[in-house]
Amino acid sequence: MRIDLGVTFVEIDLFAEIPLVAEREGEKIAVEVKSFLGNSIISDFHLAIGQFLDYRTALEETEPDRMLFLALPLDTWQHKVFQGRFIQKRLQMEDVKLIVFEPFTDTISLWKK
């Protein structure tokens, strides 16, 4: 989906509606998918977290009822750098919602709200 920021646009990878539980109606989400295929996980993280925060801010203005998730591959999530104190603290501080997926089977390993 394209979001108008006034002077430019941003594109979020995926919009979807998911059920929370059987007795509730669906919850609106947006998912920004990142591959983390660069030379440095920490550099990729810096780019991903900055983009995620910008997109979340844009969504708060245009669709405040939609929750943004950052999606990343399982091997990135399990990497020692990603599981280290710094990245985990940043994810917590910024209240980043995560989807961890297995790219070869298209299965979701973890939803973290």
PDB file of N, CA and C in Angstrom:
ATOM      1  N   MET A   1       0.842  -1.178   0.000  1.00  0.00           N
ATOM      2  CA  MET A   1       0.000   0.000   0.000  1.00  0.00           C
ATOM      3  C   MET A   1       0.880   1.231   0.000  1.00  0.00           C
ATOM      4  N   ARG A   2       0.469   2.235  -0.696  1.00  0.00           N
ATOM      5  CA  ARG A   2       1.193   3.496  -0.772  1.00  0.00           C
ATOM      6  C   ARG A   2       0.589   4.472   0.233  1.00  0.00           C
ATOM      7  N   ILE A   3       1.449   5.097   1.036  1.00  0.00           N
ATOM      8  CA  ILE A   3       1.009   6.077   2.033  1.00  0.00           C
ATOM      9  C   ILE A   3       1.604   7.430   1.665  1.00  0.00           C
ATOM     10  N   ASP A   4       0.762   8.434   1.594  1.00  0.00           N
ATOM     11  CA  ASP A   4       1.172   9.791   1.253  1.00  0.00           C
ATOM     12  C   ASP A   4       1.722  10.484   2.497  1.00  0.00           C
ATOM     13  N   LEU A   5       2.972  10.929   2.424  1.00  0.00           N
ATOM     14  CA  LEU A   5       3.593  11.648   3.533  1.00  0.00           C
ATOM     15  C   LEU A   5       3.594  13.153   3.292  1.00  0.00           C
ATOM     16  N   GLY A   6       2.895  13.599   2.289  1.00  0.00           N
ATOM     17  CA  GLY A   6       2.849  15.023   1.988  1.00  0.00           C
ATOM     18  C   GLY A   6       3.825  15.394   0.887  1.00  0.00           C
ATOM     19  N   VAL A   7       5.115  15.201   1.131  1.00  0.00           N
ATOM     20  CA  VAL A   7       6.125  15.540   0.135  1.00  0.00           C
ATOM     21  C   VAL A   7       6.645  14.321  -0.612  1.00  0.00           C
ATOM     22  N   THR A   8       6.302  13.138  -0.127  1.00  0.00           N
ATOM     23  CA  THR A   8       6.747  11.905  -0.763  1.00  0.00           C
ATOM     24  C   THR A   8       5.796  10.772  -0.381  1.00  0.00           C
ATOM     25  N   PHE A   9       6.066   9.592  -0.877  1.00  0.00           N
ATOM     26  CA  PHE A   9       5.255   8.417  -0.574  1.00  0.00           C
ATOM     27  C   PHE A   9       6.133   7.324   0.007  1.00  0.00           C
ATOM     28  N   VAL A  10       5.540   6.437   0.792  1.00  0.00           N
ATOM     29  CA  VAL A  10       6.221   5.216   1.227  1.00  0.00           C
ATOM     30  C   VAL A  10       5.337   4.039   0.849  1.00  0.00           C
ATOM     31  N   GLU A  11       5.954   2.890   0.659  1.00  0.00           N
ATOM     32  CA  GLU A  11       5.236   1.671   0.300  1.00  0.00           C
ATOM     33  C   GLU A  11       5.451   0.629   1.389  1.00  0.00           C
ATOM     34  N   ILE A  12       4.361   0.097   1.942  1.00  0.00           N
ATOM     35  CA  ILE A  12       4.439  -0.984   2.912  1.00  0.00           C
ATOM     36  C   ILE A  12       4.134  -2.271   2.167  1.00  0.00           C
ATOM     37  N   ASP A  13       4.894  -3.334   2.470  1.00  0.00           N
ATOM     38  CA  ASP A  13       4.865  -4.561   1.681  1.00  0.00           C
ATOM     39  C   ASP A  13       3.510  -5.261   1.630  1.00  0.00           C
ATOM     40  N   LEU A  14       2.862  -5.445   2.749  1.00  0.00           N
ATOM     41  CA  LEU A  14       1.695  -6.317   2.772  1.00  0.00           C
ATOM     42  C   LEU A  14       0.662  -5.811   3.762  1.00  0.00           C
ATOM     43  N   PHE A  15      -0.571  -5.780   3.335  1.00  0.00           N
ATOM     44  CA  PHE A  15      -1.669  -5.479   4.226  1.00  0.00           C
ATOM     45  C   PHE A  15      -2.524  -6.725   4.343  1.00  0.00           C
ATOM     46  N   ALA A  16      -3.041  -6.974   5.510  1.00  0.00           N
ATOM     47  CA  ALA A  16      -3.846  -8.176   5.709  1.00  0.00           C
ATOM     48  C   ALA A  16      -4.796  -7.968   6.870  1.00  0.00           C
ATOM     49  N   GLU A  17      -5.743  -8.847   6.979  1.00  0.00           N
ATOM     50  CA  GLU A  17      -6.635  -8.877   8.127  1.00  0.00           C
ATOM     51  C   GLU A  17      -6.518 -10.261   8.731  1.00  0.00           C
ATOM     52  N   ILE A  18      -6.251 -10.337  10.028  1.00  0.00           N
ATOM     53  CA  ILE A  18      -6.109 -11.629  10.688  1.00  0.00           C
ATOM     54  C   ILE A  18      -7.075 -11.701  11.859  1.00  0.00           C
ATOM     55  N   PRO A  19      -7.608 -12.885  12.133  1.00  0.00           N
ATOM     56  CA  PRO A  19      -8.443 -13.005  13.324  1.00  0.00           C
ATOM     57  C   PRO A  19      -7.568 -13.073  14.568  1.00  0.00           C
ATOM     58  N   LEU A  20      -7.959 -12.374  15.636  1.00  0.00           N
ATOM     59  CA  LEU A  20      -7.226 -12.458  16.899  1.00  0.00           C
ATOM     60  C   LEU A  20      -7.601 -13.740  17.624  1.00  0.00           C
ATOM     61  N   VAL A  21      -8.857 -13.912  17.851  1.00  0.00           N
ATOM     62  CA  VAL A  21      -9.390 -15.134  18.439  1.00  0.00           C
ATOM     63  C   VAL A  21     -10.778 -15.318  17.848  1.00  0.00           C
ATOM     64  N   ALA A  22     -11.340 -16.485  18.017  1.00  0.00           N
ATOM     65  CA  ALA A  22     -12.615 -16.805  17.371  1.00  0.00           C
ATOM     66  C   ALA A  22     -13.731 -15.852  17.752  1.00  0.00           C
ATOM     67  N   GLU A  23     -13.747 -15.369  18.997  1.00  0.00           N
ATOM     68  CA  GLU A  23     -14.866 -14.541  19.416  1.00  0.00           C
ATOM     69  C   GLU A  23     -14.699 -13.061  19.070  1.00  0.00           C
ATOM     70  N   ARG A  24     -13.572 -12.675  18.474  1.00  0.00           N
ATOM     71  CA  ARG A  24     -13.362 -11.279  18.077  1.00  0.00           C
ATOM     72  C   ARG A  24     -13.304 -11.168  16.565  1.00  0.00           C
ATOM     73  N   GLU A  25     -13.611  -9.983  16.091  1.00  0.00           N
ATOM     74  CA  GLU A  25     -13.469  -9.734  14.661  1.00  0.00           C
ATOM     75  C   GLU A  25     -11.987  -9.602  14.326  1.00  0.00           C
ATOM     76  N   GLY A  26     -11.676  -9.593  13.059  1.00  0.00           N
ATOM     77  CA  GLY A  26     -10.291  -9.516  12.618  1.00  0.00           C
ATOM     78  C   GLY A  26      -9.595  -8.241  13.037  1.00  0.00           C
ATOM     79  N   GLU A  27      -8.288  -8.296  13.060  1.00  0.00           N
ATOM     80  CA  GLU A  27      -7.455  -7.144  13.390  1.00  0.00           C
ATOM     81  C   GLU A  27      -6.726  -6.726  12.131  1.00  0.00           C
ATOM     82  N   LYS A  28      -6.703  -5.443  11.825  1.00  0.00           N
ATOM     83  CA  LYS A  28      -6.024  -4.941  10.642  1.00  0.00           C
ATOM     84  C   LYS A  28      -4.522  -4.849  10.930  1.00  0.00           C
ATOM     85  N   ILE A  29      -3.736  -5.390   9.993  1.00  0.00           N
ATOM     86  CA  ILE A  29      -2.282  -5.313  10.144  1.00  0.00           C
ATOM     87  C   ILE A  29      -1.653  -4.873   8.829  1.00  0.00           C
ATOM     88  N   ALA A  30      -0.417  -4.414   8.942  1.00  0.00           N
ATOM     89  CA  ALA A  30       0.455  -4.155   7.797  1.00  0.00           C
ATOM     90  C   ALA A  30       1.773  -4.839   8.122  1.00  0.00           C
ATOM     91  N   VAL A  31       2.419  -5.387   7.115  1.00  0.00           N
ATOM     92  CA  VAL A  31       3.659  -6.127   7.333  1.00  0.00           C
ATOM     93  C   VAL A  31       4.748  -5.572   6.435  1.00  0.00           C
ATOM     94  N   GLU A  32       5.855  -5.171   7.030  1.00  0.00           N
ATOM     95  CA  GLU A  32       7.045  -4.768   6.294  1.00  0.00           C
ATOM     96  C   GLU A  32       8.022  -5.937   6.353  1.00  0.00           C
ATOM     97  N   VAL A  33       8.299  -6.542   5.202  1.00  0.00           N
ATOM     98  CA  VAL A  33       9.148  -7.728   5.120  1.00  0.00           C
ATOM     99  C   VAL A  33      10.581  -7.300   4.821  1.00  0.00           C
ATOM    100  N   LYS A  34      11.515  -7.800   5.612  1.00  0.00           N
ATOM    101  CA  LYS A  34      12.936  -7.512   5.419  1.00  0.00           C
ATOM    102  C   LYS A  34      13.703  -8.824   5.275  1.00  0.00           C
ATOM    103  N   SER A  35      14.666  -8.853   4.364  1.00  0.00           N
ATOM    104  CA  SER A  35      15.413 -10.084   4.086  1.00  0.00           C
ATOM    105  C   SER A  35      16.673 -10.224   4.929  1.00  0.00           C
ATOM    106  N   PHE A  36      17.279  -9.122   5.346  1.00  0.00           N
ATOM    107  CA  PHE A  36      18.541  -9.143   6.096  1.00  0.00           C
ATOM    108  C   PHE A  36      19.608  -9.937   5.334  1.00  0.00           C
ATOM    109  N   LEU A  37      19.776  -9.636   4.046  1.00  0.00           N
ATOM    110  CA  LEU A  37      20.753 -10.328   3.208  1.00  0.00           C
ATOM    111  C   LEU A  37      22.022  -9.515   2.973  1.00  0.00           C
ATOM    112  N   GLY A  38      22.136  -8.372   3.641  1.00  0.00           N
ATOM    113  CA  GLY A  38      23.325  -7.542   3.460  1.00  0.00           C
ATOM    114  C   GLY A  38      24.550  -8.144   4.136  1.00  0.00           C
ATOM    115  N   ASN A  39      25.651  -7.420   4.099  1.00  0.00           N
ATOM    116  CA  ASN A  39      26.914  -7.895   4.681  1.00  0.00           C
ATOM    117  C   ASN A  39      26.921  -7.855   6.201  1.00  0.00           C
ATOM    118  N   SER A  40      26.020  -7.091   6.805  1.00  0.00           N
ATOM    119  CA  SER A  40      26.023  -6.912   8.246  1.00  0.00           C
ATOM    120  C   SER A  40      24.591  -6.929   8.786  1.00  0.00           C
ATOM    121  N   ILE A  41      24.319  -7.834   9.699  1.00  0.00           N
ATOM    122  CA  ILE A  41      22.985  -7.886  10.311  1.00  0.00           C
ATOM    123  C   ILE A  41      22.696  -6.589  11.052  1.00  0.00           C
ATOM    124  N   ILE A  42      23.672  -6.043  11.737  1.00  0.00           N
ATOM    125  CA  ILE A  42      23.435  -4.821  12.499  1.00  0.00           C
ATOM    126  C   ILE A  42      23.121  -3.645  11.568  1.00  0.00           C
ATOM    127  N   SER A  43      23.815  -3.555  10.426  1.00  0.00           N
ATOM    128  CA  SER A  43      23.508  -2.490   9.461  1.00  0.00           C
ATOM    129  C   SER A  43      22.117  -2.679   8.871  1.00  0.00           C
ATOM    130  N   ASP A  44      21.786  -3.916   8.532  1.00  0.00           N
ATOM    131  CA  ASP A  44      20.446  -4.208   8.029  1.00  0.00           C
ATOM    132  C   ASP A  44      19.390  -3.869   9.081  1.00  0.00           C
ATOM    133  N   PHE A  45      19.704  -4.141  10.345  1.00  0.00           N
ATOM    134  CA  PHE A  45      18.775  -3.822  11.427  1.00  0.00           C
ATOM    135  C   PHE A  45      18.558  -2.321  11.532  1.00  0.00           C
ATOM    136  N   HIS A  46      19.635  -1.542  11.448  1.00  0.00           N
ATOM    137  CA  HIS A  46      19.509  -0.080  11.523  1.00  0.00           C
ATOM    138  C   HIS A  46      18.573   0.435  10.428  1.00  0.00           C
ATOM    139  N   LEU A  47      18.751  -0.072   9.219  1.00  0.00           N
ATOM    140  CA  LEU A  47      17.879   0.340   8.118  1.00  0.00           C
ATOM    141  C   LEU A  47      16.437  -0.105   8.350  1.00  0.00           C
ATOM    142  N   ALA A  48      16.277  -1.353   8.787  1.00  0.00           N
ATOM    143  CA  ALA A  48      14.930  -1.905   9.001  1.00  0.00           C
ATOM    144  C   ALA A  48      14.192  -1.169  10.113  1.00  0.00           C
ATOM    145  N   ILE A  49      14.861  -0.906  11.229  1.00  0.00           N
ATOM    146  CA  ILE A  49      14.188  -0.264  12.354  1.00  0.00           C
ATOM    147  C   ILE A  49      13.819   1.178  12.007  1.00  0.00           C
ATOM    148  N   GLY A  50      14.689   1.874  11.296  1.00  0.00           N
ATOM    149  CA  GLY A  50      14.370   3.238  10.879  1.00  0.00           C
ATOM    150  C   GLY A  50      13.176   3.280   9.944  1.00  0.00           C
ATOM    151  N   GLN A  51      13.168   2.381   8.980  1.00  0.00           N
ATOM    152  CA  GLN A  51      12.058   2.320   8.046  1.00  0.00           C
ATOM    153  C   GLN A  51      10.774   1.917   8.770  1.00  0.00           C
ATOM    154  N   PHE A  52      10.866   0.944   9.655  1.00  0.00           N
ATOM    155  CA  PHE A  52       9.707   0.497  10.416  1.00  0.00           C
ATOM    156  C   PHE A  52       9.097   1.656  11.206  1.00  0.00           C
ATOM    157  N   LEU A  53       9.931   2.411  11.904  1.00  0.00           N
ATOM    158  CA  LEU A  53       9.430   3.529  12.709  1.00  0.00           C
ATOM    159  C   LEU A  53       8.788   4.609  11.840  1.00  0.00           C
ATOM    160  N   ASP A  54       9.384   4.888  10.677  1.00  0.00           N
ATOM    161  CA  ASP A  54       8.791   5.863   9.763  1.00  0.00           C
ATOM    162  C   ASP A  54       7.433   5.382   9.267  1.00  0.00           C
ATOM    163  N   TYR A  55       7.353   4.120   8.886  1.00  0.00           N
ATOM    164  CA  TYR A  55       6.090   3.573   8.381  1.00  0.00           C
ATOM    165  C   TYR A  55       5.027   3.552   9.474  1.00  0.00           C
ATOM    166  N   ARG A  56       5.431   3.221  10.683  1.00  0.00           N
ATOM    167  CA  ARG A  56       4.466   3.202  11.783  1.00  0.00           C
ATOM    168  C   ARG A  56       3.905   4.599  12.031  1.00  0.00           C
ATOM    169  N   THR A  57       4.771   5.599  11.976  1.00  0.00           N
ATOM    170  CA  THR A  57       4.326   6.981  12.144  1.00  0.00           C
ATOM    171  C   THR A  57       3.353   7.369  11.039  1.00  0.00           C
ATOM    172  N   ALA A  58       3.670   6.989   9.805  1.00  0.00           N
ATOM    173  CA  ALA A  58       2.784   7.290   8.677  1.00  0.00           C
ATOM    174  C   ALA A  58       1.439   6.596   8.835  1.00  0.00           C
ATOM    175  N   LEU A  59       1.456   5.345   9.277  1.00  0.00           N
ATOM    176  CA  LEU A  59       0.209   4.608   9.483  1.00  0.00           C
ATOM    177  C   LEU A  59      -0.639   5.227  10.587  1.00  0.00           C
ATOM    178  N   GLU A  60       0.001   5.741  11.630  1.00  0.00           N
ATOM    179  CA  GLU A  60      -0.744   6.369  12.720  1.00  0.00           C
ATOM    180  C   GLU A  60      -1.569   7.542  12.213  1.00  0.00           C
ATOM    181  N   GLU A  61      -1.079   8.218  11.184  1.00  0.00           N
ATOM    182  CA  GLU A  61      -1.806   9.352  10.617  1.00  0.00           C
ATOM    183  C   GLU A  61      -2.871   8.917   9.620  1.00  0.00           C
ATOM    184  N   THR A  62      -2.578   7.883   8.826  1.00  0.00           N
ATOM    185  CA  THR A  62      -3.488   7.507   7.746  1.00  0.00           C
ATOM    186  C   THR A  62      -4.439   6.373   8.108  1.00  0.00           C
ATOM    187  N   GLU A  63      -3.983   5.417   8.901  1.00  0.00           N
ATOM    188  CA  GLU A  63      -4.813   4.275   9.299  1.00  0.00           C
ATOM    189  C   GLU A  63      -4.477   3.878  10.732  1.00  0.00           C
ATOM    190  N   PRO A  64      -4.926   4.656  11.708  1.00  0.00           N
ATOM    191  CA  PRO A  64      -4.536   4.420  13.097  1.00  0.00           C
ATOM    192  C   PRO A  64      -5.021   3.090  13.666  1.00  0.00           C
ATOM    193  N   ASP A  65      -5.960   2.447  13.005  1.00  0.00           N
ATOM    194  CA  ASP A  65      -6.462   1.154  13.497  1.00  0.00           C
ATOM    195  C   ASP A  65      -5.667  -0.024  12.938  1.00  0.00           C
ATOM    196  N   ARG A  66      -4.631   0.241  12.141  1.00  0.00           N
ATOM    197  CA  ARG A  66      -3.832  -0.823  11.537  1.00  0.00           C
ATOM    198  C   ARG A  66      -2.514  -0.963  12.290  1.00  0.00           C
ATOM    199  N   MET A  67      -2.168  -2.187  12.692  1.00  0.00           N
ATOM    200  CA  MET A  67      -0.946  -2.463  13.438  1.00  0.00           C
ATOM    201  C   MET A  67       0.159  -2.909  12.470  1.00  0.00           C
ATOM    202  N   LEU A  68       1.334  -2.319  12.610  1.00  0.00           N
ATOM    203  CA  LEU A  68       2.466  -2.645  11.740  1.00  0.00           C
ATOM    204  C   LEU A  68       3.346  -3.721  12.370  1.00  0.00           C
ATOM    205  N   PHE A  69       3.708  -4.707  11.565  1.00  0.00           N
ATOM    206  CA  PHE A  69       4.625  -5.768  11.966  1.00  0.00           C
ATOM    207  C   PHE A  69       5.868  -5.709  11.095  1.00  0.00           C
ATOM    208  N   LEU A  70       7.007  -6.058  11.667  1.00  0.00           N
ATOM    209  CA  LEU A  70       8.243  -6.251  10.928  1.00  0.00           C
ATOM    210  C   LEU A  70       8.423  -7.754  10.757  1.00  0.00           C
ATOM    211  N   ALA A  71       8.540  -8.205   9.519  1.00  0.00           N
ATOM    212  CA  ALA A  71       8.728  -9.632   9.243  1.00  0.00           C
ATOM    213  C   ALA A  71      10.180  -9.879   8.861  1.00  0.00           C
ATOM    214  N   LEU A  72      10.749 -10.941   9.425  1.00  0.00           N
ATOM    215  CA  LEU A  72      12.136 -11.286   9.134  1.00  0.00           C
ATOM    216  C   LEU A  72      12.302 -12.803   9.108  1.00  0.00           C
ATOM    217  N   PRO A  73      13.318 -13.267   8.376  1.00  0.00           N
ATOM    218  CA  PRO A  73      13.532 -14.709   8.264  1.00  0.00           C
ATOM    219  C   PRO A  73      13.955 -15.336   9.601  1.00  0.00           C
ATOM    220  N   LEU A  74      13.611 -16.600   9.771  1.00  0.00           N
ATOM    221  CA  LEU A  74      13.923 -17.338  10.987  1.00  0.00           C
ATOM    222  C   LEU A  74      15.424 -17.357  11.262  1.00  0.00           C
ATOM    223  N   ASP A  75      16.246 -17.564  10.244  1.00  0.00           N
ATOM    224  CA  ASP A  75      17.695 -17.621  10.482  1.00  0.00           C
ATOM    225  C   ASP A  75      18.241 -16.290  10.984  1.00  0.00           C
ATOM    226  N   THR A  76      17.649 -15.184  10.562  1.00  0.00           N
ATOM    227  CA  THR A  76      18.049 -13.874  11.091  1.00  0.00           C
ATOM    228  C   THR A  76      17.651 -13.759  12.554  1.00  0.00           C
ATOM    229  N   TRP A  77      16.422 -14.140  12.871  1.00  0.00           N
ATOM    230  CA  TRP A  77      15.931 -14.088  14.241  1.00  0.00           C
ATOM    231  C   TRP A  77      16.812 -14.920  15.173  1.00  0.00           C
ATOM    232  N   GLN A  78      17.274 -16.072  14.714  1.00  0.00           N
ATOM    233  CA  GLN A  78      18.068 -16.974  15.549  1.00  0.00           C
ATOM    234  C   GLN A  78      19.545 -16.603  15.614  1.00  0.00           C
ATOM    235  N   HIS A  79      19.995 -15.686  14.773  1.00  0.00           N
ATOM    236  CA  HIS A  79      21.412 -15.305  14.738  1.00  0.00           C
ATOM    237  C   HIS A  79      21.819 -14.679  16.075  1.00  0.00           C
ATOM    238  N   LYS A  80      23.042 -14.976  16.525  1.00  0.00           N
ATOM    239  CA  LYS A  80      23.502 -14.493  17.835  1.00  0.00           C
ATOM    240  C   LYS A  80      23.501 -12.968  17.931  1.00  0.00           C
ATOM    241  N   VAL A  81      23.768 -12.267  16.836  1.00  0.00           N
ATOM    242  CA  VAL A  81      23.748 -10.805  16.867  1.00  0.00           C
ATOM    243  C   VAL A  81      22.322 -10.318  17.093  1.00  0.00           C
ATOM    244  N   PHE A  82      21.362 -10.942  16.420  1.00  0.00           N
ATOM    245  CA  PHE A  82      19.976 -10.524  16.558  1.00  0.00           C
ATOM    246  C   PHE A  82      19.424 -10.856  17.938  1.00  0.00           C
ATOM    247  N   GLN A  83      19.885 -11.935  18.524  1.00  0.00           N
ATOM    248  CA  GLN A  83      19.438 -12.321  19.866  1.00  0.00           C
ATOM    249  C   GLN A  83      20.219 -11.607  20.969  1.00  0.00           C
ATOM    250  N   GLY A  84      21.211 -10.830  20.577  1.00  0.00           N
ATOM    251  CA  GLY A  84      22.011 -10.098  21.553  1.00  0.00           C
ATOM    252  C   GLY A  84      21.214  -9.020  22.269  1.00  0.00           C
ATOM    253  N   ARG A  85      21.773  -8.538  23.350  1.00  0.00           N
ATOM    254  CA  ARG A  85      21.107  -7.572  24.226  1.00  0.00           C
ATOM    255  C   ARG A  85      20.712  -6.283  23.497  1.00  0.00           C
ATOM    256  N   PHE A  86      21.602  -5.769  22.640  1.00  0.00           N
ATOM    257  CA  PHE A  86      21.326  -4.487  21.992  1.00  0.00           C
ATOM    258  C   PHE A  86      20.082  -4.543  21.114  1.00  0.00           C
ATOM    259  N   ILE A  87      20.032  -5.469  20.167  1.00  0.00           N
ATOM    260  CA  ILE A  87      18.891  -5.535  19.251  1.00  0.00           C
ATOM    261  C   ILE A  87      17.619  -5.873  20.011  1.00  0.00           C
ATOM    262  N   GLN A  88      17.686  -6.797  20.942  1.00  0.00           N
ATOM    263  CA  GLN A  88      16.493  -7.153  21.704  1.00  0.00           C
ATOM    264  C   GLN A  88      15.968  -5.963  22.512  1.00  0.00           C
ATOM    265  N   LYS A  89      16.878  -5.173  23.066  1.00  0.00           N
ATOM    266  CA  LYS A  89      16.467  -3.986  23.819  1.00  0.00           C
ATOM    267  C   LYS A  89      15.826  -2.955  22.896  1.00  0.00           C
ATOM    268  N   ARG A  90      16.394  -2.757  21.715  1.00  0.00           N
ATOM    269  CA  ARG A  90      15.827  -1.796  20.762  1.00  0.00           C
ATOM    270  C   ARG A  90      14.434  -2.224  20.317  1.00  0.00           C
ATOM    271  N   LEU A  91      14.249  -3.513  20.050  1.00  0.00           N
ATOM    272  CA  LEU A  91      12.934  -4.009  19.658  1.00  0.00           C
ATOM    273  C   LEU A  91      11.912  -3.750  20.762  1.00  0.00           C
ATOM    274  N   GLN A  92      12.328  -3.971  21.992  1.00  0.00           N
ATOM    275  CA  GLN A  92      11.435  -3.748  23.133  1.00  0.00           C
ATOM    276  C   GLN A  92      11.157  -2.261  23.324  1.00  0.00           C
ATOM    277  N   MET A  93      12.195  -1.437  23.265  1.00  0.00           N
ATOM    278  CA  MET A  93      12.029   0.009  23.457  1.00  0.00           C
ATOM    279  C   MET A  93      11.070   0.615  22.435  1.00  0.00           C
ATOM    280  N   GLU A  94      11.175   0.154  21.208  1.00  0.00           N
ATOM    281  CA  GLU A  94      10.355   0.721  20.138  1.00  0.00           C
ATOM    282  C   GLU A  94       9.044  -0.023  19.952  1.00  0.00           C
ATOM    283  N   ASP A  95       8.792  -1.026  20.799  1.00  0.00           N
ATOM    284  CA  ASP A  95       7.556  -1.803  20.738  1.00  0.00           C
ATOM    285  C   ASP A  95       7.317  -2.359  19.332  1.00  0.00           C
ATOM    286  N   VAL A  96       8.354  -2.997  18.780  1.00  0.00           N
ATOM    287  CA  VAL A  96       8.272  -3.562  17.431  1.00  0.00           C
ATOM    288  C   VAL A  96       7.527  -4.887  17.481  1.00  0.00           C
ATOM    289  N   LYS A  97       6.461  -4.974  16.694  1.00  0.00           N
ATOM    290  CA  LYS A  97       5.718  -6.218  16.545  1.00  0.00           C
ATOM    291  C   LYS A  97       6.415  -7.035  15.459  1.00  0.00           C
ATOM    292  N   LEU A  98       6.643  -8.328  15.726  1.00  0.00           N
ATOM    293  CA  LEU A  98       7.430  -9.154  14.806  1.00  0.00           C
ATOM    294  C   LEU A  98       6.654 -10.337  14.253  1.00  0.00           C
ATOM    295  N   ILE A  99       6.980 -10.677  13.025  1.00  0.00           N
ATOM    296  CA  ILE A  99       6.601 -11.948  12.421  1.00  0.00           C
ATOM    297  C   ILE A  99       7.906 -12.579  11.962  1.00  0.00           C
ATOM    298  N   VAL A 100       8.187 -13.768  12.472  1.00  0.00           N
ATOM    299  CA  VAL A 100       9.385 -14.506  12.071  1.00  0.00           C
ATOM    300  C   VAL A 100       8.905 -15.649  11.183  1.00  0.00           C
ATOM    301  N   PHE A 101       9.492 -15.760   9.996  1.00  0.00           N
ATOM    302  CA  PHE A 101       9.006 -16.738   9.028  1.00  0.00           C
ATOM    303  C   PHE A 101      10.148 -17.582   8.467  1.00  0.00           C
ATOM    304  N   GLU A 102       9.783 -18.770   7.989  1.00  0.00           N
ATOM    305  CA  GLU A 102      10.718 -19.661   7.301  1.00  0.00           C
ATOM    306  C   GLU A 102      10.520 -19.406   5.805  1.00  0.00           C
ATOM    307  N   PRO A 103      11.495 -18.771   5.142  1.00  0.00           N
ATOM    308  CA  PRO A 103      11.280 -18.357   3.749  1.00  0.00           C
ATOM    309  C   PRO A 103      11.122 -19.514   2.752  1.00  0.00           C
ATOM    310  N   PHE A 104      11.668 -20.673   3.049  1.00  0.00           N
ATOM    311  CA  PHE A 104      11.595 -21.781   2.097  1.00  0.00           C
ATOM    312  C   PHE A 104      10.275 -22.526   2.151  1.00  0.00           C
ATOM    313  N   THR A 105       9.574 -22.434   3.276  1.00  0.00           N
ATOM    314  CA  THR A 105       8.293 -23.128   3.403  1.00  0.00           C
ATOM    315  C   THR A 105       7.128 -22.157   3.559  1.00  0.00           C
ATOM    316  N   ASP A 106       7.433 -20.859   3.606  1.00  0.00           N
ATOM    317  CA  ASP A 106       6.404 -19.833   3.796  1.00  0.00           C
ATOM    318  C   ASP A 106       5.559 -20.070   5.033  1.00  0.00           C
ATOM    319  N   THR A 107       6.201 -20.547   6.102  1.00  0.00           N
ATOM    320  CA  THR A 107       5.487 -20.752   7.348  1.00  0.00           C
ATOM    321  C   THR A 107       5.943 -19.721   8.377  1.00  0.00           C
ATOM    322  N   ILE A 108       5.012 -19.327   9.224  1.00  0.00           N
ATOM    323  CA  ILE A 108       5.322 -18.373  10.286  1.00  0.00           C
ATOM    324  C   ILE A 108       5.741 -19.149  11.524  1.00  0.00           C
ATOM    325  N   SER A 109       6.928 -18.812  12.023  1.00  0.00           N
ATOM    326  CA  SER A 109       7.478 -19.476  13.208  1.00  0.00           C
ATOM    327  C   SER A 109       7.115 -18.755  14.492  1.00  0.00           C
ATOM    328  N   LEU A 110       6.897 -17.429  14.408  1.00  0.00           N
ATOM    329  CA  LEU A 110       6.648 -16.645  15.617  1.00  0.00           C
ATOM    330  C   LEU A 110       5.882 -15.381  15.276  1.00  0.00           C
ATOM    331  N   TRP A 111       4.843 -15.116  16.053  1.00  0.00           N
ATOM    332  CA  TRP A 111       4.152 -13.823  16.065  1.00  0.00           C
ATOM    333  C   TRP A 111       4.476 -13.212  17.405  1.00  0.00           C
ATOM    334  N   LYS A 112       5.051 -12.036  17.406  1.00  0.00           N
ATOM    335  CA  LYS A 112       5.411 -11.389  18.666  1.00  0.00           C
ATOM    336  C   LYS A 112       4.797  -9.991  18.684  1.00  0.00           C
ATOM    337  N   LYS A 113       3.772  -9.828  19.531  1.00  0.00           N
ATOM    338  CA  LYS A 113       3.084  -8.528  19.613  1.00  0.00           C
ATOM    339  C   LYS A 113       3.536  -7.743  20.777  1.00  0.00           C
TER     340      LYS A 113
END
